[in-house]
Amino acid sequence: MNRSPSHATDSRDGTGEGNLVVRRGSHADTDALAIVAALDSSRPLTGRTVVAELDGRIVAAVSLHDGRVVADPFVATADVVELLRVRTTGGRSAARSRRRWLPLPARQPLTPRLA
């Protein structure tokens, strides 16, 4: 996995239509994030974010604070949102990261049986 602050890749379908960049959001992205949130009929994201740019335009973003996502509904962003979720959970799927494990009961010491 690429550990750089941004990661660029060509489109998945191999047509070369667009360049996708995933990077940390910055203060300069505030207006663009507000526009995407308005298009998505959502509240703007606050705090630290990870954004996905397609050809230099932010099309989706996820909040590192609460995991909320905003995405441009006029762009096919389902794969982009999944990529953002995987990227922000450290490679773990969302379902796996929420799993709660219960502790095992304490083991009883072995005692020899006397006949």
PDB file of N, CA and C in Angstrom:
ATOM      1  N   MET A   1       0.854  -1.182   0.000  1.00  0.00           N
ATOM      2  CA  MET A   1       0.000   0.000   0.000  1.00  0.00           C
ATOM      3  C   MET A   1       0.890   1.231   0.000  1.00  0.00           C
ATOM      4  N   ASN A   2       0.530   2.187  -0.778  1.00  0.00           N
ATOM      5  CA  ASN A   2       1.267   3.430  -0.869  1.00  0.00           C
ATOM      6  C   ASN A   2       1.021   4.262   0.384  1.00  0.00           C
ATOM      7  N   ARG A   3       2.087   4.613   1.107  1.00  0.00           N
ATOM      8  CA  ARG A   3       1.941   5.338   2.364  1.00  0.00           C
ATOM      9  C   ARG A   3       2.166   6.837   2.201  1.00  0.00           C
ATOM     10  N   SER A   4       2.273   7.326   0.977  1.00  0.00           N
ATOM     11  CA  SER A   4       2.461   8.753   0.770  1.00  0.00           C
ATOM     12  C   SER A   4       1.173   9.503   1.088  1.00  0.00           C
ATOM     13  N   PRO A   5       1.270  10.820   1.370  1.00  0.00           N
ATOM     14  CA  PRO A   5       0.059  11.583   1.689  1.00  0.00           C
ATOM     15  C   PRO A   5      -0.962  11.593   0.560  1.00  0.00           C
ATOM     16  N   SER A   6      -0.530  11.409  -0.666  1.00  0.00           N
ATOM     17  CA  SER A   6      -1.490  11.345  -1.766  1.00  0.00           C
ATOM     18  C   SER A   6      -1.182  10.123  -2.612  1.00  0.00           C
ATOM     19  N   HIS A   7      -2.180   9.644  -3.291  1.00  0.00           N
ATOM     20  CA  HIS A   7      -2.033   8.455  -4.111  1.00  0.00           C
ATOM     21  C   HIS A   7      -2.799   8.680  -5.398  1.00  0.00           C
ATOM     22  N   ALA A   8      -2.120   8.569  -6.518  1.00  0.00           N
ATOM     23  CA  ALA A   8      -2.768   8.793  -7.809  1.00  0.00           C
ATOM     24  C   ALA A   8      -2.905   7.465  -8.540  1.00  0.00           C
ATOM     25  N   THR A   9      -4.004   7.321  -9.239  1.00  0.00           N
ATOM     26  CA  THR A   9      -4.234   6.115 -10.017  1.00  0.00           C
ATOM     27  C   THR A   9      -5.104   6.454 -11.216  1.00  0.00           C
ATOM     28  N   ASP A  10      -4.994   5.651 -12.256  1.00  0.00           N
ATOM     29  CA  ASP A  10      -5.885   5.809 -13.406  1.00  0.00           C
ATOM     30  C   ASP A  10      -7.214   5.173 -13.082  1.00  0.00           C
ATOM     31  N   SER A  11      -8.210   5.436 -13.913  1.00  0.00           N
ATOM     32  CA  SER A  11      -9.534   4.880 -13.676  1.00  0.00           C
ATOM     33  C   SER A  11      -9.492   3.360 -13.705  1.00  0.00           C
ATOM     34  N   ARG A  12     -10.415   2.733 -12.981  1.00  0.00           N
ATOM     35  CA  ARG A  12     -10.452   1.280 -12.853  1.00  0.00           C
ATOM     36  C   ARG A  12     -10.777   0.570 -14.155  1.00  0.00           C
ATOM     37  N   ASP A  13     -11.581   1.183 -14.998  1.00  0.00           N
ATOM     38  CA  ASP A  13     -12.024   0.480 -16.193  1.00  0.00           C
ATOM     39  C   ASP A  13     -10.962   0.440 -17.282  1.00  0.00           C
ATOM     40  N   GLY A  14      -9.810   1.065 -17.035  1.00  0.00           N
ATOM     41  CA  GLY A  14      -8.713   1.000 -17.973  1.00  0.00           C
ATOM     42  C   GLY A  14      -8.852   1.923 -19.160  1.00  0.00           C
ATOM     43  N   THR A  15      -9.881   2.738 -19.185  1.00  0.00           N
ATOM     44  CA  THR A  15     -10.067   3.627 -20.325  1.00  0.00           C
ATOM     45  C   THR A  15      -9.187   4.855 -20.225  1.00  0.00           C
ATOM     46  N   GLY A  16      -8.602   5.093 -19.046  1.00  0.00           N
ATOM     47  CA  GLY A  16      -7.762   6.256 -18.868  1.00  0.00           C
ATOM     48  C   GLY A  16      -8.554   7.539 -18.719  1.00  0.00           C
ATOM     49  N   GLU A  17      -9.851   7.425 -18.491  1.00  0.00           N
ATOM     50  CA  GLU A  17     -10.691   8.605 -18.335  1.00  0.00           C
ATOM     51  C   GLU A  17     -10.566   9.144 -16.924  1.00  0.00           C
ATOM     52  N   GLY A  18      -9.699  10.083 -16.733  1.00  0.00           N
ATOM     53  CA  GLY A  18      -9.581  10.724 -15.444  1.00  0.00           C
ATOM     54  C   GLY A  18      -8.429  10.204 -14.615  1.00  0.00           C
ATOM     55  N   ASN A  19      -7.985  11.064 -13.735  1.00  0.00           N
ATOM     56  CA  ASN A  19      -6.913  10.752 -12.819  1.00  0.00           C
ATOM     57  C   ASN A  19      -7.454  10.944 -11.410  1.00  0.00           C
ATOM     58  N   LEU A  20      -7.424   9.896 -10.599  1.00  0.00           N
ATOM     59  CA  LEU A  20      -7.941   9.953  -9.247  1.00  0.00           C
ATOM     60  C   LEU A  20      -6.791  10.160  -8.273  1.00  0.00           C
ATOM     61  N   VAL A  21      -6.939  11.155  -7.401  1.00  0.00           N
ATOM     62  CA  VAL A  21      -5.948  11.436  -6.366  1.00  0.00           C
ATOM     63  C   VAL A  21      -6.652  11.383  -5.020  1.00  0.00           C
ATOM     64  N   VAL A  22      -6.111  10.594  -4.101  1.00  0.00           N
ATOM     65  CA  VAL A  22      -6.620  10.520  -2.739  1.00  0.00           C
ATOM     66  C   VAL A  22      -5.574  11.173  -1.856  1.00  0.00           C
ATOM     67  N   ARG A  23      -5.999  12.150  -1.056  1.00  0.00           N
ATOM     68  CA  ARG A  23      -5.054  12.897  -0.222  1.00  0.00           C
ATOM     69  C   ARG A  23      -5.746  13.416   1.019  1.00  0.00           C
ATOM     70  N   ARG A  24      -4.948  13.902   1.953  1.00  0.00           N
ATOM     71  CA  ARG A  24      -5.511  14.541   3.138  1.00  0.00           C
ATOM     72  C   ARG A  24      -6.135  15.864   2.727  1.00  0.00           C
ATOM     73  N   GLY A  25      -7.258  16.173   3.329  1.00  0.00           N
ATOM     74  CA  GLY A  25      -7.890  17.449   3.066  1.00  0.00           C
ATOM     75  C   GLY A  25      -7.119  18.571   3.747  1.00  0.00           C
ATOM     76  N   SER A  26      -7.245  19.766   3.210  1.00  0.00           N
ATOM     77  CA  SER A  26      -6.573  20.929   3.801  1.00  0.00           C
ATOM     78  C   SER A  26      -7.585  22.060   3.991  1.00  0.00           C
ATOM     79  N   HIS A  27      -7.141  23.103   4.651  1.00  0.00           N
ATOM     80  CA  HIS A  27      -8.005  24.261   4.878  1.00  0.00           C
ATOM     81  C   HIS A  27      -8.463  24.867   3.544  1.00  0.00           C
ATOM     82  N   ALA A  28      -7.628  24.769   2.538  1.00  0.00           N
ATOM     83  CA  ALA A  28      -7.970  25.314   1.218  1.00  0.00           C
ATOM     84  C   ALA A  28      -9.129  24.565   0.555  1.00  0.00           C
ATOM     85  N   ASP A  29      -9.470  23.383   1.058  1.00  0.00           N
ATOM     86  CA  ASP A  29     -10.550  22.580   0.481  1.00  0.00           C
ATOM     87  C   ASP A  29     -11.924  22.907   1.073  1.00  0.00           C
ATOM     88  N   THR A  30     -11.997  23.814   2.024  1.00  0.00           N
ATOM     89  CA  THR A  30     -13.242  24.096   2.734  1.00  0.00           C
ATOM     90  C   THR A  30     -14.385  24.444   1.791  1.00  0.00           C
ATOM     91  N   ASP A  31     -14.144  25.345   0.846  1.00  0.00           N
ATOM     92  CA  ASP A  31     -15.209  25.745  -0.082  1.00  0.00           C
ATOM     93  C   ASP A  31     -15.652  24.592  -0.981  1.00  0.00           C
ATOM     94  N   ALA A  32     -14.693  23.835  -1.495  1.00  0.00           N
ATOM     95  CA  ALA A  32     -15.026  22.703  -2.366  1.00  0.00           C
ATOM     96  C   ALA A  32     -15.794  21.634  -1.596  1.00  0.00           C
ATOM     97  N   LEU A  33     -15.412  21.395  -0.333  1.00  0.00           N
ATOM     98  CA  LEU A  33     -16.129  20.418   0.483  1.00  0.00           C
ATOM     99  C   LEU A  33     -17.549  20.883   0.784  1.00  0.00           C
ATOM    100  N   ALA A  34     -17.727  22.178   0.968  1.00  0.00           N
ATOM    101  CA  ALA A  34     -19.074  22.721   1.202  1.00  0.00           C
ATOM    102  C   ALA A  34     -19.948  22.531  -0.039  1.00  0.00           C
ATOM    103  N   ILE A  35     -19.377  22.706  -1.215  1.00  0.00           N
ATOM    104  CA  ILE A  35     -20.126  22.516  -2.457  1.00  0.00           C
ATOM    105  C   ILE A  35     -20.528  21.057  -2.624  1.00  0.00           C
ATOM    106  N   VAL A  36     -19.583  20.133  -2.380  1.00  0.00           N
ATOM    107  CA  VAL A  36     -19.895  18.703  -2.496  1.00  0.00           C
ATOM    108  C   VAL A  36     -20.960  18.316  -1.477  1.00  0.00           C
ATOM    109  N   ALA A  37     -20.853  18.831  -0.261  1.00  0.00           N
ATOM    110  CA  ALA A  37     -21.849  18.533   0.777  1.00  0.00           C
ATOM    111  C   ALA A  37     -23.223  19.053   0.368  1.00  0.00           C
ATOM    112  N   ALA A  38     -23.274  20.238  -0.217  1.00  0.00           N
ATOM    113  CA  ALA A  38     -24.554  20.791  -0.663  1.00  0.00           C
ATOM    114  C   ALA A  38     -25.154  19.926  -1.778  1.00  0.00           C
ATOM    115  N   LEU A  39     -24.327  19.478  -2.712  1.00  0.00           N
ATOM    116  CA  LEU A  39     -24.813  18.602  -3.776  1.00  0.00           C
ATOM    117  C   LEU A  39     -25.339  17.280  -3.209  1.00  0.00           C
ATOM    118  N   ASP A  40     -24.717  16.832  -2.124  1.00  0.00           N
ATOM    119  CA  ASP A  40     -25.084  15.569  -1.482  1.00  0.00           C
ATOM    120  C   ASP A  40     -26.203  15.752  -0.453  1.00  0.00           C
ATOM    121  N   SER A  41     -26.699  16.977  -0.309  1.00  0.00           N
ATOM    122  CA  SER A  41     -27.738  17.307   0.671  1.00  0.00           C
ATOM    123  C   SER A  41     -27.313  16.917   2.092  1.00  0.00           C
ATOM    124  N   SER A  42     -26.059  17.198   2.418  1.00  0.00           N
ATOM    125  CA  SER A  42     -25.493  16.873   3.724  1.00  0.00           C
ATOM    126  C   SER A  42     -24.877  18.109   4.353  1.00  0.00           C
ATOM    127  N   ARG A  43     -24.616  17.993   5.648  1.00  0.00           N
ATOM    128  CA  ARG A  43     -23.858  19.048   6.327  1.00  0.00           C
ATOM    129  C   ARG A  43     -22.408  18.976   5.863  1.00  0.00           C
ATOM    130  N   PRO A  44     -21.719  20.107   5.795  1.00  0.00           N
ATOM    131  CA  PRO A  44     -20.296  20.080   5.434  1.00  0.00           C
ATOM    132  C   PRO A  44     -19.498  19.305   6.483  1.00  0.00           C
ATOM    133  N   LEU A  45     -18.449  18.644   6.028  1.00  0.00           N
ATOM    134  CA  LEU A  45     -17.579  17.916   6.942  1.00  0.00           C
ATOM    135  C   LEU A  45     -16.741  18.914   7.737  1.00  0.00           C
ATOM    136  N   THR A  46     -16.453  18.562   8.968  1.00  0.00           N
ATOM    137  CA  THR A  46     -15.604  19.402   9.803  1.00  0.00           C
ATOM    138  C   THR A  46     -14.416  18.581  10.273  1.00  0.00           C
ATOM    139  N   GLY A  47     -13.373  19.253  10.670  1.00  0.00           N
ATOM    140  CA  GLY A  47     -12.187  18.569  11.170  1.00  0.00           C
ATOM    141  C   GLY A  47     -11.362  17.990  10.039  1.00  0.00           C
ATOM    142  N   ARG A  48     -10.519  17.032  10.393  1.00  0.00           N
ATOM    143  CA  ARG A  48      -9.614  16.416   9.418  1.00  0.00           C
ATOM    144  C   ARG A  48     -10.393  15.538   8.450  1.00  0.00           C
ATOM    145  N   THR A  49      -9.990  15.575   7.193  1.00  0.00           N
ATOM    146  CA  THR A  49     -10.668  14.821   6.146  1.00  0.00           C
ATOM    147  C   THR A  49      -9.658  14.151   5.226  1.00  0.00           C
ATOM    148  N   VAL A  50     -10.143  13.183   4.479  1.00  0.00           N
ATOM    149  CA  VAL A  50      -9.417  12.613   3.349  1.00  0.00           C
ATOM    150  C   VAL A  50     -10.319  12.833   2.150  1.00  0.00           C
ATOM    151  N   VAL A  51      -9.750  13.388   1.088  1.00  0.00           N
ATOM    152  CA  VAL A  51     -10.551  13.737  -0.086  1.00  0.00           C
ATOM    153  C   VAL A  51     -10.097  12.938  -1.304  1.00  0.00           C
ATOM    154  N   ALA A  52     -11.022  12.778  -2.237  1.00  0.00           N
ATOM    155  CA  ALA A  52     -10.725  12.149  -3.523  1.00  0.00           C
ATOM    156  C   ALA A  52     -10.988  13.183  -4.603  1.00  0.00           C
ATOM    157  N   GLU A  53      -9.971  13.432  -5.408  1.00  0.00           N
ATOM    158  CA  GLU A  53     -10.082  14.376  -6.525  1.00  0.00           C
ATOM    159  C   GLU A  53     -10.079  13.591  -7.824  1.00  0.00           C
ATOM    160  N   LEU A  54     -10.992  13.916  -8.689  1.00  0.00           N
ATOM    161  CA  LEU A  54     -11.027  13.348 -10.032  1.00  0.00           C
ATOM    162  C   LEU A  54     -10.763  14.483 -10.996  1.00  0.00           C
ATOM    163  N   ASP A  55      -9.658  14.398 -11.690  1.00  0.00           N
ATOM    164  CA  ASP A  55      -9.230  15.454 -12.612  1.00  0.00           C
ATOM    165  C   ASP A  55      -9.167  16.815 -11.920  1.00  0.00           C
ATOM    166  N   GLY A  56      -8.670  16.856 -10.690  1.00  0.00           N
ATOM    167  CA  GLY A  56      -8.467  18.110  -9.976  1.00  0.00           C
ATOM    168  C   GLY A  56      -9.686  18.652  -9.260  1.00  0.00           C
ATOM    169  N   ARG A  57     -10.816  17.920  -9.291  1.00  0.00           N
ATOM    170  CA  ARG A  57     -12.042  18.378  -8.633  1.00  0.00           C
ATOM    171  C   ARG A  57     -12.433  17.382  -7.555  1.00  0.00           C
ATOM    172  N   ILE A  58     -12.693  17.863  -6.349  1.00  0.00           N
ATOM    173  CA  ILE A  58     -13.081  16.981  -5.251  1.00  0.00           C
ATOM    174  C   ILE A  58     -14.462  16.404  -5.545  1.00  0.00           C
ATOM    175  N   VAL A  59     -14.529  15.066  -5.564  1.00  0.00           N
ATOM    176  CA  VAL A  59     -15.800  14.389  -5.843  1.00  0.00           C
ATOM    177  C   VAL A  59     -16.322  13.626  -4.634  1.00  0.00           C
ATOM    178  N   ALA A  60     -15.462  13.378  -3.646  1.00  0.00           N
ATOM    179  CA  ALA A  60     -15.886  12.679  -2.433  1.00  0.00           C
ATOM    180  C   ALA A  60     -14.894  12.973  -1.320  1.00  0.00           C
ATOM    181  N   ALA A  61     -15.377  12.861  -0.086  1.00  0.00           N
ATOM    182  CA  ALA A  61     -14.518  13.071   1.074  1.00  0.00           C
ATOM    183  C   ALA A  61     -15.091  12.330   2.264  1.00  0.00           C
ATOM    184  N   VAL A  62     -14.209  11.972   3.194  1.00  0.00           N
ATOM    185  CA  VAL A  62     -14.631  11.299   4.421  1.00  0.00           C
ATOM    186  C   VAL A  62     -14.005  12.048   5.597  1.00  0.00           C
ATOM    187  N   SER A  63     -14.780  12.180   6.664  1.00  0.00           N
ATOM    188  CA  SER A  63     -14.314  12.829   7.879  1.00  0.00           C
ATOM    189  C   SER A  63     -13.551  11.821   8.720  1.00  0.00           C
ATOM    190  N   LEU A  64     -12.372  12.183   9.178  1.00  0.00           N
ATOM    191  CA  LEU A  64     -11.619  11.315  10.072  1.00  0.00           C
ATOM    192  C   LEU A  64     -12.153  11.397  11.494  1.00  0.00           C
ATOM    193  N   HIS A  65     -12.975  12.407  11.763  1.00  0.00           N
ATOM    194  CA  HIS A  65     -13.547  12.594  13.097  1.00  0.00           C
ATOM    195  C   HIS A  65     -14.705  11.632  13.357  1.00  0.00           C
ATOM    196  N   ASP A  66     -15.667  11.592  12.433  1.00  0.00           N
ATOM    197  CA  ASP A  66     -16.856  10.773  12.671  1.00  0.00           C
ATOM    198  C   ASP A  66     -17.176   9.780  11.546  1.00  0.00           C
ATOM    199  N   GLY A  67     -16.351   9.726  10.510  1.00  0.00           N
ATOM    200  CA  GLY A  67     -16.556   8.765   9.434  1.00  0.00           C
ATOM    201  C   GLY A  67     -17.618   9.136   8.424  1.00  0.00           C
ATOM    202  N   ARG A  68     -18.222  10.351   8.581  1.00  0.00           N
ATOM    203  CA  ARG A  68     -19.244  10.760   7.601  1.00  0.00           C
ATOM    204  C   ARG A  68     -18.606  10.951   6.231  1.00  0.00           C
ATOM    205  N   VAL A  69     -19.400  10.669   5.206  1.00  0.00           N
ATOM    206  CA  VAL A  69     -18.934  10.781   3.828  1.00  0.00           C
ATOM    207  C   VAL A  69     -19.838  11.740   3.079  1.00  0.00           C
ATOM    208  N   VAL A  70     -19.251  12.571   2.229  1.00  0.00           N
ATOM    209  CA  VAL A  70     -20.011  13.356   1.259  1.00  0.00           C
ATOM    210  C   VAL A  70     -19.453  13.015  -0.111  1.00  0.00           C
ATOM    211  N   ALA A  71     -20.344  12.958  -1.101  1.00  0.00           N
ATOM    212  CA  ALA A  71     -19.923  12.619  -2.457  1.00  0.00           C
ATOM    213  C   ALA A  71     -20.808  13.330  -3.459  1.00  0.00           C
ATOM    214  N   ASP A  72     -20.240  13.646  -4.594  1.00  0.00           N
ATOM    215  CA  ASP A  72     -20.975  14.292  -5.678  1.00  0.00           C
ATOM    216  C   ASP A  72     -21.932  13.273  -6.294  1.00  0.00           C
ATOM    217  N   PRO A  73     -23.238  13.506  -6.213  1.00  0.00           N
ATOM    218  CA  PRO A  73     -24.192  12.527  -6.749  1.00  0.00           C
ATOM    219  C   PRO A  73     -24.227  12.488  -8.276  1.00  0.00           C
ATOM    220  N   PHE A  74     -23.568  13.431  -8.932  1.00  0.00           N
ATOM    221  CA  PHE A  74     -23.578  13.476 -10.387  1.00  0.00           C
ATOM    222  C   PHE A  74     -22.347  12.806 -10.993  1.00  0.00           C
ATOM    223  N   VAL A  75     -21.537  12.183 -10.135  1.00  0.00           N
ATOM    224  CA  VAL A  75     -20.343  11.461 -10.566  1.00  0.00           C
ATOM    225  C   VAL A  75     -20.442  10.054  -9.976  1.00  0.00           C
ATOM    226  N   ALA A  76     -20.044   9.047 -10.726  1.00  0.00           N
ATOM    227  CA  ALA A  76     -20.050   7.674 -10.210  1.00  0.00           C
ATOM    228  C   ALA A  76     -18.950   7.549  -9.158  1.00  0.00           C
ATOM    229  N   THR A  77     -19.357   7.609  -7.879  1.00  0.00           N
ATOM    230  CA  THR A  77     -18.375   7.654  -6.793  1.00  0.00           C
ATOM    231  C   THR A  77     -18.436   6.461  -5.842  1.00  0.00           C
ATOM    232  N   ALA A  78     -19.212   5.439  -6.134  1.00  0.00           N
ATOM    233  CA  ALA A  78     -19.326   4.307  -5.204  1.00  0.00           C
ATOM    234  C   ALA A  78     -17.967   3.664  -4.948  1.00  0.00           C
ATOM    235  N   ASP A  79     -17.192   3.412  -5.996  1.00  0.00           N
ATOM    236  CA  ASP A  79     -15.862   2.829  -5.823  1.00  0.00           C
ATOM    237  C   ASP A  79     -14.920   3.796  -5.114  1.00  0.00           C
ATOM    238  N   VAL A  80     -15.072   5.074  -5.398  1.00  0.00           N
ATOM    239  CA  VAL A  80     -14.224   6.086  -4.770  1.00  0.00           C
ATOM    240  C   VAL A  80     -14.506   6.145  -3.272  1.00  0.00           C
ATOM    241  N   VAL A  81     -15.769   6.104  -2.896  1.00  0.00           N
ATOM    242  CA  VAL A  81     -16.135   6.132  -1.472  1.00  0.00           C
ATOM    243  C   VAL A  81     -15.598   4.894  -0.774  1.00  0.00           C
ATOM    244  N   GLU A  82     -15.707   3.732  -1.405  1.00  0.00           N
ATOM    245  CA  GLU A  82     -15.166   2.500  -0.808  1.00  0.00           C
ATOM    246  C   GLU A  82     -13.654   2.613  -0.628  1.00  0.00           C
ATOM    247  N   LEU A  83     -12.970   3.173  -1.617  1.00  0.00           N
ATOM    248  CA  LEU A  83     -11.527   3.389  -1.513  1.00  0.00           C
ATOM    249  C   LEU A  83     -11.200   4.313  -0.344  1.00  0.00           C
ATOM    250  N   LEU A  84     -11.976   5.383  -0.177  1.00  0.00           N
ATOM    251  CA  LEU A  84     -11.755   6.293   0.949  1.00  0.00           C
ATOM    252  C   LEU A  84     -11.975   5.582   2.279  1.00  0.00           C
ATOM    253  N   ARG A  85     -13.013   4.777   2.364  1.00  0.00           N
ATOM    254  CA  ARG A  85     -13.288   4.051   3.617  1.00  0.00           C
ATOM    255  C   ARG A  85     -12.160   3.076   3.965  1.00  0.00           C
ATOM    256  N   VAL A  86     -11.678   2.347   2.960  1.00  0.00           N
ATOM    257  CA  VAL A  86     -10.569   1.419   3.200  1.00  0.00           C
ATOM    258  C   VAL A  86      -9.319   2.198   3.586  1.00  0.00           C
ATOM    259  N   ARG A  87      -9.085   3.278   2.908  1.00  0.00           N
ATOM    260  CA  ARG A  87      -7.890   4.092   3.189  1.00  0.00           C
ATOM    261  C   ARG A  87      -7.922   4.657   4.614  1.00  0.00           C
ATOM    262  N   THR A  88      -9.091   5.071   5.082  1.00  0.00           N
ATOM    263  CA  THR A  88      -9.172   5.691   6.404  1.00  0.00           C
ATOM    264  C   THR A  88      -9.284   4.687   7.538  1.00  0.00           C
ATOM    265  N   THR A  89      -9.596   3.425   7.229  1.00  0.00           N
ATOM    266  CA  THR A  89      -9.648   2.406   8.283  1.00  0.00           C
ATOM    267  C   THR A  89      -8.367   1.588   8.319  1.00  0.00           C
ATOM    268  N   GLY A  90      -7.341   2.013   7.605  1.00  0.00           N
ATOM    269  CA  GLY A  90      -6.067   1.311   7.640  1.00  0.00           C
ATOM    270  C   GLY A  90      -6.089  -0.035   6.949  1.00  0.00           C
ATOM    271  N   GLY A  91      -6.924  -0.192   5.936  1.00  0.00           N
ATOM    272  CA  GLY A  91      -6.986  -1.441   5.199  1.00  0.00           C
ATOM    273  C   GLY A  91      -7.993  -2.426   5.748  1.00  0.00           C
ATOM    274  N   ARG A  92      -8.647  -2.105   6.847  1.00  0.00           N
ATOM    275  CA  ARG A  92      -9.671  -2.988   7.413  1.00  0.00           C
ATOM    276  C   ARG A  92     -11.020  -2.545   6.880  1.00  0.00           C
ATOM    277  N   SER A  93     -11.879  -3.473   6.623  1.00  0.00           N
ATOM    278  CA  SER A  93     -13.219  -3.103   6.185  1.00  0.00           C
ATOM    279  C   SER A  93     -13.968  -2.503   7.367  1.00  0.00           C
ATOM    280  N   ALA A  94     -14.981  -1.727   7.100  1.00  0.00           N
ATOM    281  CA  ALA A  94     -15.734  -1.065   8.162  1.00  0.00           C
ATOM    282  C   ALA A  94     -16.386  -2.079   9.092  1.00  0.00           C
ATOM    283  N   ALA A  95     -16.914  -3.174   8.546  1.00  0.00           N
ATOM    284  CA  ALA A  95     -17.570  -4.174   9.388  1.00  0.00           C
ATOM    285  C   ALA A  95     -16.565  -4.849  10.314  1.00  0.00           C
ATOM    286  N   ARG A  96     -15.401  -5.123   9.809  1.00  0.00           N
ATOM    287  CA  ARG A  96     -14.399  -5.805  10.628  1.00  0.00           C
ATOM    288  C   ARG A  96     -13.878  -4.907  11.737  1.00  0.00           C
ATOM    289  N   SER A  97     -13.718  -3.606  11.460  1.00  0.00           N
ATOM    290  CA  SER A  97     -13.176  -2.706  12.474  1.00  0.00           C
ATOM    291  C   SER A  97     -14.153  -2.484  13.623  1.00  0.00           C
ATOM    292  N   ARG A  98     -15.458  -2.733  13.403  1.00  0.00           N
ATOM    293  CA  ARG A  98     -16.452  -2.531  14.454  1.00  0.00           C
ATOM    294  C   ARG A  98     -16.709  -3.787  15.287  1.00  0.00           C
ATOM    295  N   ARG A  99     -16.150  -4.909  14.882  1.00  0.00           N
ATOM    296  CA  ARG A  99     -16.411  -6.164  15.574  1.00  0.00           C
ATOM    297  C   ARG A  99     -15.863  -6.095  16.998  1.00  0.00           C
ATOM    298  N   ARG A 100     -16.661  -6.516  17.929  1.00  0.00           N
ATOM    299  CA  ARG A 100     -16.257  -6.539  19.334  1.00  0.00           C
ATOM    300  C   ARG A 100     -16.026  -7.988  19.742  1.00  0.00           C
ATOM    301  N   TRP A 101     -14.888  -8.268  20.294  1.00  0.00           N
ATOM    302  CA  TRP A 101     -14.561  -9.622  20.733  1.00  0.00           C
ATOM    303  C   TRP A 101     -14.845  -9.740  22.212  1.00  0.00           C
ATOM    304  N   LEU A 102     -15.439 -10.849  22.594  1.00  0.00           N
ATOM    305  CA  LEU A 102     -15.712 -11.115  23.997  1.00  0.00           C
ATOM    306  C   LEU A 102     -14.561 -11.915  24.585  1.00  0.00           C
ATOM    307  N   PRO A 103     -14.199 -11.647  25.826  1.00  0.00           N
ATOM    308  CA  PRO A 103     -13.097 -12.413  26.416  1.00  0.00           C
ATOM    309  C   PRO A 103     -13.522 -13.856  26.660  1.00  0.00           C
ATOM    310  N   LEU A 104     -12.558 -14.749  26.579  1.00  0.00           N
ATOM    311  CA  LEU A 104     -12.825 -16.151  26.866  1.00  0.00           C
ATOM    312  C   LEU A 104     -12.935 -16.343  28.380  1.00  0.00           C
ATOM    313  N   PRO A 105     -13.716 -17.318  28.816  1.00  0.00           N
ATOM    314  CA  PRO A 105     -13.793 -17.567  30.252  1.00  0.00           C
ATOM    315  C   PRO A 105     -12.435 -18.029  30.775  1.00  0.00           C
ATOM    316  N   ALA A 106     -12.182 -17.754  32.042  1.00  0.00           N
ATOM    317  CA  ALA A 106     -10.911 -18.140  32.637  1.00  0.00           C
ATOM    318  C   ALA A 106     -10.784 -19.660  32.644  1.00  0.00           C
ATOM    319  N   ARG A 107      -9.580 -20.134  32.401  1.00  0.00           N
ATOM    320  CA  ARG A 107      -9.339 -21.574  32.402  1.00  0.00           C
ATOM    321  C   ARG A 107      -9.273 -22.085  33.829  1.00  0.00           C
ATOM    322  N   GLN A 108      -9.838 -23.232  34.029  1.00  0.00           N
ATOM    323  CA  GLN A 108      -9.770 -23.887  35.334  1.00  0.00           C
ATOM    324  C   GLN A 108      -8.485 -24.702  35.399  1.00  0.00           C
ATOM    325  N   PRO A 109      -7.775 -24.624  36.511  1.00  0.00           N
ATOM    326  CA  PRO A 109      -6.541 -25.427  36.609  1.00  0.00           C
ATOM    327  C   PRO A 109      -6.879 -26.914  36.568  1.00  0.00           C
ATOM    328  N   LEU A 110      -6.020 -27.679  35.967  1.00  0.00           N
ATOM    329  CA  LEU A 110      -6.201 -29.136  35.892  1.00  0.00           C
ATOM    330  C   LEU A 110      -5.846 -29.745  37.245  1.00  0.00           C
ATOM    331  N   THR A 111      -6.731 -30.542  37.764  1.00  0.00           N
ATOM    332  CA  THR A 111      -6.452 -31.239  39.032  1.00  0.00           C
ATOM    333  C   THR A 111      -6.529 -32.739  38.777  1.00  0.00           C
ATOM    334  N   PRO A 112      -5.586 -33.468  39.271  1.00  0.00           N
ATOM    335  CA  PRO A 112      -5.606 -34.918  39.028  1.00  0.00           C
ATOM    336  C   PRO A 112      -6.757 -35.566  39.805  1.00  0.00           C
ATOM    337  N   ARG A 113      -7.333 -36.574  39.214  1.00  0.00           N
ATOM    338  CA  ARG A 113      -8.408 -37.316  39.869  1.00  0.00           C
ATOM    339  C   ARG A 113      -7.806 -38.446  40.694  1.00  0.00           C
ATOM    340  N   LEU A 114      -8.292 -38.569  41.877  1.00  0.00           N
ATOM    341  CA  LEU A 114      -7.837 -39.660  42.718  1.00  0.00           C
ATOM    342  C   LEU A 114      -8.913 -40.735  42.732  1.00  0.00           C
ATOM    343  N   ALA A 115      -8.516 -41.957  42.477  1.00  0.00           N
ATOM    344  CA  ALA A 115      -9.504 -43.045  42.416  1.00  0.00           C
ATOM    345  C   ALA A 115      -9.637 -43.764  43.726  1.00  0.00           C
TER     346      ALA A 115
END
